Amino acid sequence: MTQALTPVINNKPKMLTIPQLEATGILPGRAIRRLISEGKISCVTVGNRRYVNFTRFCEYLNSGAGEE
């Protein structure tokens, strides 16, 4: 049984690691890492893991900012 991804849980943002975000099938991990390194999406680093705000990530993609 798969659980639907919800952007906010109890008024807390849904933070996903890069492998979790990659598992959604939206973008490959390499593309996500490139967007982070280019400063197009933000992340929070805890130890060796980087967490991306799922809501802001979806908003970035929906805005069409990556289109040429």
Protein backbone atom coordinates (compact mmCIF):
# COMPACT_ATOMS: atom_id res chain seq x y z
CA MET A 1 0.00 0.00 0.00
CA THR A 2 1.47 3.34 -1.01
CA GLN A 3 0.83 6.50 0.88
CA ALA A 4 0.05 9.66 -1.05
CA LEU A 5 2.57 12.44 -0.60
CA THR A 6 1.09 15.36 1.27
CA PRO A 7 3.00 18.64 1.25
CA VAL A 8 2.16 19.61 4.86
CA ILE A 9 1.66 17.41 7.91
CA ASN A 10 0.15 19.06 11.01
CA ASN A 11 1.29 22.51 9.83
CA LYS A 12 4.87 21.24 9.45
CA PRO A 13 6.51 21.20 6.03
CA LYS A 14 7.13 17.84 4.40
CA MET A 15 10.92 17.52 4.24
CA LEU A 16 12.32 14.77 2.01
CA THR A 17 15.86 13.56 1.51
CA ILE A 18 17.14 13.48 -2.05
CA PRO A 19 16.66 9.67 -2.38
CA GLN A 20 13.08 10.02 -1.07
CA LEU A 21 12.41 12.85 -3.51
CA GLU A 22 13.92 10.80 -6.32
CA ALA A 23 11.61 7.88 -5.39
CA THR A 24 8.58 10.06 -6.18
CA GLY A 25 9.60 9.84 -9.83
CA ILE A 26 9.45 13.60 -10.38
CA LEU A 27 13.15 14.09 -11.18
CA PRO A 28 16.28 11.94 -10.97
CA GLY A 29 18.61 12.51 -8.03
CA ARG A 30 21.33 14.00 -10.20
CA ALA A 31 18.96 16.72 -11.44
CA ILE A 32 17.82 17.49 -7.89
CA ARG A 33 21.44 17.80 -6.71
CA ARG A 34 22.21 20.09 -9.65
CA LEU A 35 19.27 22.37 -8.80
CA ILE A 36 20.54 22.56 -5.21
CA SER A 37 24.12 23.34 -6.25
CA GLU A 38 22.90 26.04 -8.66
CA GLY A 39 20.87 27.60 -5.85
CA LYS A 40 17.55 27.15 -7.65
CA ILE A 41 16.04 25.14 -4.80
CA SER A 42 17.02 25.32 -1.16
CA CYS A 43 17.82 22.52 1.23
CA VAL A 44 18.67 21.96 4.87
CA THR A 45 21.77 19.89 5.59
CA VAL A 46 21.75 17.72 8.70
CA GLY A 47 24.91 15.66 9.00
CA ASN A 48 25.46 14.14 5.57
CA ARG A 49 21.81 14.33 4.54
CA ARG A 50 20.12 17.11 2.63
CA TYR A 51 16.42 17.72 3.15
CA VAL A 52 14.30 19.52 0.57
CA ASN A 53 10.97 21.17 1.37
CA PHE A 54 8.56 19.18 -0.82
CA THR A 55 6.01 22.03 -1.08
CA ARG A 56 8.59 24.57 -2.27
CA PHE A 57 10.11 22.01 -4.63
CA CYS A 58 6.70 21.42 -6.27
CA GLU A 59 6.05 25.16 -6.42
CA TYR A 60 9.39 25.67 -8.18
CA LEU A 61 8.55 23.01 -10.76
CA ASN A 62 5.00 24.31 -11.27
CA SER A 63 6.25 27.86 -11.79
CA GLY A 64 8.02 26.80 -14.97
CA ALA A 65 11.28 28.37 -13.79
CA GLY A 66 13.34 25.60 -15.37
CA GLU A 67 11.86 25.98 -18.84
CA GLU A 68 13.87 27.63 -21.56
